[in-house]
Structures are given as C-alpha cells and as structure tokens.
Amino acid sequence: MKKNMGNIDRIIRVIIAAAIAGLYFANIISGTTAIILIALAAIFVLTSILGFCPLYAPFGIKTCKTKSIQ
C-alpha cells in the first residue's frame, strides 16, 4: 500500500480518536452511539498508523507530500 495520508491528517485523526476515547471513559457517550464512535476511533488510529486511508484511494486524494523529480 502506498501512503496517501500526510502527517497533519494523521495527527488530526489520532486527536479525534483520543477525544472519542475520553468521552467514552468519562461516561459522556454510551450505548449504540459509543460503540459506533469507538469503532470509528479504532479505524482512525489504524489508518493513522498505516498512513493509508482506503476511502482516499478511489477518489485519488493524497494529503502526503510528493517528491518532485528535477
């Protein structure tokens, strides 16, 4: 898999995942909403670690810097 996520994109995803985890452990979110958001947070962390977002690929989106050949 080629990386298609830049550092800022990855950092934002980890921050959002941490915020969701914080809301869950503070019992602010619960039930079905909590399950869905925790699953989303897990996906955010996984894609941040890999540097690849499968939803970006079909649309040709890349937030990472590309090397220019001169």
N, C-alpha and C. Protein backbone atom coordinates (compact mmCIF):
# COMPACT_ATOMS: atom_id res chain seq x y z
N MET A 1 0.84 -1.18 0.00
CA MET A 1 0.00 0.00 0.00
C MET A 1 0.88 1.24 0.00
N LYS A 2 0.57 2.14 -0.87
CA LYS A 2 1.26 3.42 -0.88
C LYS A 2 0.61 4.33 0.14
N LYS A 3 1.43 5.13 0.79
CA LYS A 3 0.89 6.09 1.74
C LYS A 3 0.12 7.16 1.00
N ASN A 4 -1.02 7.54 1.54
CA ASN A 4 -1.78 8.63 0.94
C ASN A 4 -2.24 9.64 1.99
N MET A 5 -1.67 9.53 3.20
CA MET A 5 -2.03 10.46 4.27
C MET A 5 -0.79 11.19 4.75
N GLY A 6 -0.93 12.49 4.90
CA GLY A 6 0.16 13.31 5.41
C GLY A 6 0.18 13.33 6.92
N ASN A 7 1.22 13.91 7.48
CA ASN A 7 1.39 13.93 8.93
C ASN A 7 0.28 14.69 9.64
N ILE A 8 -0.13 15.81 9.10
CA ILE A 8 -1.18 16.61 9.74
C ILE A 8 -2.49 15.82 9.77
N ASP A 9 -2.81 15.16 8.68
CA ASP A 9 -4.01 14.33 8.60
C ASP A 9 -3.97 13.23 9.65
N ARG A 10 -2.81 12.59 9.80
CA ARG A 10 -2.66 11.51 10.76
C ARG A 10 -2.79 12.02 12.19
N ILE A 11 -2.20 13.16 12.48
CA ILE A 11 -2.27 13.73 13.83
C ILE A 11 -3.70 14.11 14.18
N ILE A 12 -4.41 14.70 13.24
CA ILE A 12 -5.81 15.08 13.49
C ILE A 12 -6.66 13.85 13.79
N ARG A 13 -6.44 12.77 13.07
CA ARG A 13 -7.19 11.54 13.30
C ARG A 13 -6.92 10.96 14.69
N VAL A 14 -5.66 11.01 15.13
CA VAL A 14 -5.32 10.49 16.46
C VAL A 14 -5.95 11.37 17.54
N ILE A 15 -5.94 12.68 17.34
CA ILE A 15 -6.56 13.59 18.31
C ILE A 15 -8.06 13.33 18.41
N ILE A 16 -8.72 13.14 17.28
CA ILE A 16 -10.16 12.85 17.29
C ILE A 16 -10.43 11.52 17.99
N ALA A 17 -9.59 10.50 17.72
CA ALA A 17 -9.76 9.21 18.38
C ALA A 17 -9.57 9.32 19.89
N ALA A 18 -8.59 10.11 20.31
CA ALA A 18 -8.36 10.31 21.74
C ALA A 18 -9.53 11.04 22.39
N ALA A 19 -10.10 12.01 21.69
CA ALA A 19 -11.26 12.73 22.21
C ALA A 19 -12.46 11.79 22.38
N ILE A 20 -12.67 10.92 21.41
CA ILE A 20 -13.77 9.96 21.49
C ILE A 20 -13.54 9.01 22.67
N ALA A 21 -12.30 8.54 22.83
CA ALA A 21 -11.98 7.65 23.96
C ALA A 21 -12.20 8.38 25.28
N GLY A 22 -11.82 9.64 25.34
CA GLY A 22 -12.04 10.42 26.55
C GLY A 22 -13.51 10.57 26.88
N LEU A 23 -14.32 10.82 25.87
CA LEU A 23 -15.77 10.92 26.09
C LEU A 23 -16.36 9.60 26.57
N TYR A 24 -15.85 8.50 26.03
CA TYR A 24 -16.35 7.20 26.43
C TYR A 24 -15.99 6.89 27.89
N PHE A 25 -14.72 7.10 28.25
CA PHE A 25 -14.28 6.78 29.61
C PHE A 25 -14.83 7.75 30.65
N ALA A 26 -15.26 8.92 30.23
CA ALA A 26 -15.90 9.88 31.14
C ALA A 26 -17.41 9.64 31.22
N ASN A 27 -17.88 8.59 30.54
CA ASN A 27 -19.30 8.21 30.51
C ASN A 27 -20.19 9.32 29.95
N ILE A 28 -19.66 10.09 29.04
CA ILE A 28 -20.46 11.12 28.37
C ILE A 28 -21.22 10.50 27.20
N ILE A 29 -20.60 9.52 26.55
CA ILE A 29 -21.29 8.79 25.49
C ILE A 29 -21.45 7.34 25.95
N SER A 30 -22.55 6.73 25.56
CA SER A 30 -22.79 5.34 25.95
C SER A 30 -23.74 4.70 24.94
N GLY A 31 -23.92 3.41 25.09
CA GLY A 31 -24.84 2.68 24.23
C GLY A 31 -24.35 2.52 22.80
N THR A 32 -25.31 2.54 21.89
CA THR A 32 -25.01 2.33 20.48
C THR A 32 -24.10 3.44 19.93
N THR A 33 -24.34 4.65 20.38
CA THR A 33 -23.51 5.77 19.94
C THR A 33 -22.05 5.54 20.32
N ALA A 34 -21.83 5.06 21.52
CA ALA A 34 -20.47 4.81 21.99
C ALA A 34 -19.81 3.71 21.16
N ILE A 35 -20.54 2.66 20.88
CA ILE A 35 -19.98 1.56 20.09
C ILE A 35 -19.57 2.04 18.70
N ILE A 36 -20.43 2.80 18.07
CA ILE A 36 -20.13 3.31 16.72
C ILE A 36 -18.93 4.25 16.76
N LEU A 37 -18.89 5.15 17.73
CA LEU A 37 -17.79 6.10 17.80
C LEU A 37 -16.47 5.44 18.17
N ILE A 38 -16.49 4.44 19.04
CA ILE A 38 -15.27 3.71 19.39
C ILE A 38 -14.75 2.95 18.18
N ALA A 39 -15.65 2.36 17.39
CA ALA A 39 -15.23 1.68 16.16
C ALA A 39 -14.60 2.68 15.19
N LEU A 40 -15.20 3.85 15.06
CA LEU A 40 -14.65 4.89 14.20
C LEU A 40 -13.28 5.34 14.70
N ALA A 41 -13.14 5.48 16.01
CA ALA A 41 -11.86 5.87 16.60
C ALA A 41 -10.79 4.81 16.32
N ALA A 42 -11.17 3.55 16.42
CA ALA A 42 -10.22 2.47 16.13
C ALA A 42 -9.77 2.50 14.67
N ILE A 43 -10.70 2.78 13.78
CA ILE A 43 -10.36 2.90 12.36
C ILE A 43 -9.43 4.09 12.13
N PHE A 44 -9.71 5.21 12.80
CA PHE A 44 -8.84 6.38 12.68
C PHE A 44 -7.42 6.07 13.13
N VAL A 45 -7.28 5.37 14.26
CA VAL A 45 -5.95 5.04 14.77
C VAL A 45 -5.25 4.08 13.81
N LEU A 46 -5.95 3.07 13.33
CA LEU A 46 -5.35 2.11 12.41
C LEU A 46 -4.88 2.77 11.12
N THR A 47 -5.72 3.61 10.53
CA THR A 47 -5.32 4.28 9.30
C THR A 47 -4.17 5.27 9.55
N SER A 48 -4.13 5.86 10.72
CA SER A 48 -3.03 6.77 11.05
C SER A 48 -1.72 6.01 11.17
N ILE A 49 -1.76 4.84 11.77
CA ILE A 49 -0.54 4.03 11.90
C ILE A 49 -0.05 3.57 10.53
N LEU A 50 -0.97 3.14 9.69
CA LEU A 50 -0.60 2.65 8.36
C LEU A 50 -0.25 3.77 7.39
N GLY A 51 -0.83 4.95 7.61
CA GLY A 51 -0.61 6.06 6.69
C GLY A 51 -1.39 5.91 5.40
N PHE A 52 -2.37 5.04 5.41
CA PHE A 52 -3.17 4.76 4.21
C PHE A 52 -4.64 4.77 4.57
N CYS A 53 -5.42 5.55 3.84
CA CYS A 53 -6.87 5.59 4.02
C CYS A 53 -7.51 4.99 2.78
N PRO A 54 -8.23 3.86 2.94
CA PRO A 54 -8.84 3.22 1.77
C PRO A 54 -9.90 4.08 1.09
N LEU A 55 -10.52 5.01 1.81
CA LEU A 55 -11.52 5.87 1.19
C LEU A 55 -10.88 6.95 0.31
N TYR A 56 -9.62 7.26 0.55
CA TYR A 56 -8.93 8.25 -0.29
C TYR A 56 -8.58 7.68 -1.66
N ALA A 57 -8.29 6.39 -1.73
CA ALA A 57 -7.80 5.76 -2.96
C ALA A 57 -8.74 5.90 -4.15
N PRO A 58 -10.04 5.58 -4.04
CA PRO A 58 -10.90 5.68 -5.22
C PRO A 58 -11.06 7.10 -5.74
N PHE A 59 -10.90 8.07 -4.85
CA PHE A 59 -11.06 9.47 -5.25
C PHE A 59 -9.74 10.13 -5.63
N GLY A 60 -8.64 9.41 -5.46
CA GLY A 60 -7.33 9.96 -5.82
C GLY A 60 -6.85 11.04 -4.87
N ILE A 61 -7.32 11.03 -3.64
CA ILE A 61 -6.92 12.05 -2.67
C ILE A 61 -5.61 11.63 -2.02
N LYS A 62 -4.67 12.57 -1.94
CA LYS A 62 -3.42 12.35 -1.23
C LYS A 62 -3.11 13.59 -0.42
N THR A 63 -2.95 13.42 0.87
CA THR A 63 -2.60 14.55 1.71
C THR A 63 -1.12 14.53 2.08
N CYS A 64 -0.39 13.54 1.59
CA CYS A 64 1.04 13.47 1.88
C CYS A 64 1.81 14.25 0.82
N LYS A 65 3.00 14.64 1.22
CA LYS A 65 3.85 15.38 0.29
C LYS A 65 4.42 14.40 -0.73
N THR A 66 4.47 14.85 -1.97
CA THR A 66 5.04 14.02 -3.02
C THR A 66 6.42 14.56 -3.37
N LYS A 67 7.31 13.63 -3.68
CA LYS A 67 8.66 14.04 -4.06
C LYS A 67 8.65 14.51 -5.51
N SER A 68 9.24 15.67 -5.72
CA SER A 68 9.31 16.17 -7.09
C SER A 68 10.65 15.78 -7.70
N ILE A 69 10.59 15.32 -8.93
CA ILE A 69 11.81 14.92 -9.64
C ILE A 69 12.26 16.08 -10.50
N GLN A 70 13.50 16.49 -10.28
CA GLN A 70 14.03 17.63 -11.04
C GLN A 70 15.23 17.23 -11.82
